[in-house]
Protein backbone atom coordinates (compact mmCIF):
# COMPACT_ATOMS: atom_id res chain seq x y z
CA UNK A 1 0.00 0.00 0.00
CA UNK A 2 1.18 3.50 -0.78
CA UNK A 3 -0.26 6.70 0.66
CA UNK A 4 0.20 10.25 -0.52
CA UNK A 5 0.42 12.66 2.40
CA UNK A 6 -0.19 16.19 1.17
CA UNK A 7 -0.04 19.51 3.01
CA UNK A 8 -1.17 22.84 1.66
CA UNK A 9 -0.34 26.50 2.26
CA UNK A 10 1.48 27.64 5.39
CA UNK A 11 1.92 24.14 6.80
CA UNK A 12 5.62 24.37 5.99
CA UNK A 13 6.00 26.72 8.96
CA UNK A 14 4.32 24.55 11.59
CA UNK A 15 6.04 24.92 14.93
CA UNK A 16 6.50 28.63 14.19
CA UNK A 17 2.84 29.50 13.54
CA UNK A 18 0.33 30.16 16.30
CA UNK A 19 1.24 27.28 18.58
CA UNK A 20 -2.00 27.57 20.53
CA UNK A 21 -3.82 26.50 17.34
CA UNK A 22 -1.29 24.38 15.48
CA UNK A 23 1.01 22.97 18.17
CA UNK A 24 4.77 22.96 18.50
CA UNK A 25 5.68 20.15 16.09
CA UNK A 26 7.11 21.09 12.72
CA UNK A 27 5.90 19.49 9.50
CA UNK A 28 9.20 17.60 9.42
CA UNK A 29 8.45 16.26 12.92
CA UNK A 30 5.01 15.08 11.81
CA UNK A 31 6.37 13.52 8.63
CA UNK A 32 9.06 11.69 10.62
CA UNK A 33 6.42 10.26 12.96
CA UNK A 34 4.35 9.13 9.98
CA UNK A 35 7.41 7.68 8.22
CA UNK A 36 8.14 5.56 11.30
CA UNK A 37 4.51 4.39 11.49
CA UNK A 38 4.66 3.52 7.79
CA UNK A 39 7.93 1.61 8.10
CA UNK A 40 6.60 -0.36 11.09
CA UNK A 41 3.56 -1.41 9.02
CA UNK A 42 5.29 -1.92 5.67
CA UNK A 43 3.38 0.91 4.03
CA UNK A 44 5.02 3.26 1.55
CA UNK A 45 4.40 7.00 1.98
CA UNK A 46 5.15 9.97 -0.21
CA UNK A 47 5.13 13.43 1.38
CA UNK A 48 4.44 16.71 -0.39
CA UNK A 49 3.84 20.28 0.76
CA UNK A 50 3.34 23.43 -1.27
CA UNK A 51 1.94 26.90 -0.82
CA UNK A 52 0.88 26.74 -4.48
CA UNK A 53 -2.39 25.00 -5.41
CA UNK A 54 -1.13 24.26 -8.92
CA UNK A 55 1.95 22.45 -7.61
CA UNK A 56 -0.23 20.33 -5.33
CA UNK A 57 -2.44 19.42 -8.28
CA UNK A 58 0.64 18.56 -10.36
CA UNK A 59 1.88 16.28 -7.56
CA UNK A 60 -1.49 14.53 -7.33
CA UNK A 61 -1.73 14.03 -11.08
CA UNK A 62 1.83 12.71 -11.29
CA UNK A 63 1.49 10.27 -8.38
CA UNK A 64 -2.07 9.07 -7.88
CA UNK A 65 -1.85 6.06 -10.20
CA UNK A 66 0.76 4.52 -7.90
CA UNK A 67 -1.17 5.31 -4.70
CA UNK A 68 -3.91 3.62 -2.72
CA UNK A 69 -5.09 6.63 -0.75
CA UNK A 70 -4.53 10.27 0.13
CA UNK A 71 -4.23 12.02 3.47
CA UNK A 72 -4.51 15.76 2.91
CA UNK A 73 -4.43 18.86 5.04
CA UNK A 74 -5.38 21.44 2.41
CA UNK A 75 -4.80 24.39 4.74
CA UNK A 76 -6.69 27.46 3.52
CA UNK A 77 -7.43 25.65 0.23
CA UNK A 78 -10.01 23.75 2.28
CA UNK A 79 -12.40 26.65 1.85
CA UNK A 80 -11.95 27.65 -1.79
CA UNK A 81 -9.64 25.18 -3.59
CA UNK A 82 -12.10 24.00 -6.22
CA UNK A 83 -9.42 22.96 -8.70
CA UNK A 84 -7.76 20.97 -5.90
CA UNK A 85 -11.10 19.35 -5.13
CA UNK A 86 -11.53 18.41 -8.79
CA UNK A 87 -8.05 16.92 -8.93
CA UNK A 88 -8.64 14.86 -5.79
CA UNK A 89 -12.01 13.69 -7.05
CA UNK A 90 -10.54 12.66 -10.40
CA UNK A 91 -8.19 10.20 -8.66
CA UNK A 92 -11.10 8.07 -7.40
CA UNK A 93 -8.88 7.28 -4.39
CA UNK A 94 -10.06 7.23 -0.78
CA UNK A 95 -9.24 10.57 0.84
CA UNK A 96 -9.04 11.57 4.49
CA UNK A 97 -9.01 15.30 5.20
CA UNK A 98 -7.00 16.36 8.25
CA UNK A 99 -6.93 19.66 10.14
CA UNK A 100 -4.75 20.40 13.15
CA UNK A 101 -7.23 22.82 14.69
CA UNK A 102 -10.98 22.37 15.02
CA UNK A 103 -12.10 24.34 11.97
CA UNK A 104 -15.68 24.37 13.32
CA UNK A 105 -14.68 26.17 16.52
CA UNK A 106 -12.99 29.04 14.69
CA UNK A 107 -14.18 31.76 12.32
CA UNK A 108 -17.43 30.95 10.50
CA UNK A 109 -15.77 30.91 7.07
CA UNK A 110 -13.43 28.10 8.19
CA UNK A 111 -16.34 25.74 8.80
CA UNK A 112 -16.96 25.28 5.06
CA UNK A 113 -14.82 22.65 3.35
CA UNK A 114 -15.02 22.11 -0.40
CA UNK A 115 -12.95 18.94 0.11
CA UNK A 116 -15.06 17.11 2.71
CA UNK A 117 -17.89 16.11 0.32
CA UNK A 118 -15.44 13.97 -1.68
CA UNK A 119 -13.52 12.62 1.34
CA UNK A 120 -14.27 9.43 3.22
CA UNK A 121 -13.98 11.51 6.34
CA UNK A 122 -12.42 14.44 8.11
CA UNK A 123 -10.32 14.53 11.26
CA UNK A 124 -10.28 17.98 12.83
CA UNK A 125 -8.99 19.40 16.07
CA UNK A 126 -6.59 16.73 17.34
CA UNK A 127 -3.35 18.43 16.32
CA UNK A 128 -0.61 16.30 14.78
CA UNK A 129 -2.34 13.18 16.07
CA UNK A 130 -5.00 13.64 13.40
CA UNK A 131 -2.46 12.54 10.82
CA UNK A 132 -1.77 9.39 12.85
CA UNK A 133 -5.50 8.68 13.08
CA UNK A 134 -5.87 9.02 9.31
CA UNK A 135 -2.82 6.84 8.69
CA UNK A 136 -4.11 4.13 11.02
CA UNK A 137 -7.47 4.12 9.23
CA UNK A 138 -5.65 3.30 6.00
CA UNK A 139 -3.46 0.71 7.76
CA UNK A 140 -6.61 -0.99 9.07
CA UNK A 141 -7.97 -1.11 5.54
CA UNK A 142 -4.76 -2.81 4.44
CA UNK A 143 -5.47 -5.48 7.07
CA UNK A 144 -8.84 -6.00 5.44
CA UNK A 145 -10.96 -4.02 7.86
CA UNK A 146 -13.76 -1.99 6.27
CA UNK A 147 -14.44 1.72 6.75
CA UNK A 148 -17.89 0.99 8.10
């Protein structure tokens, strides 16, 4: 099994951003934790982050045929990234949307996700552990467990 783990705008500066919302771990820290989880379970992962929606779409289009699922934190693209949504939808892969903060407990405009209608689910508000939850959902599927 191979998973694409994608992060959108501003997630490259995790650990420096508002730590009360996003925590103290850097994106490298999170990726290292996920890489260890993946190695322990024999799952291949490919990490990508960009502040540019077009580069994220390029990555998806260049890699989805070799992947079994996508974990994505779209950052601000969550709320308006319609071309990203289309690209994700075109893959026909299972998608789990992750957010470090609880987007429903913040500004009203953050509560709308254009990605969630095409995702199997969304994990929001558990900090870096949300990525682990998403990863473990995919690992369970690899063991033959269903999403239901």
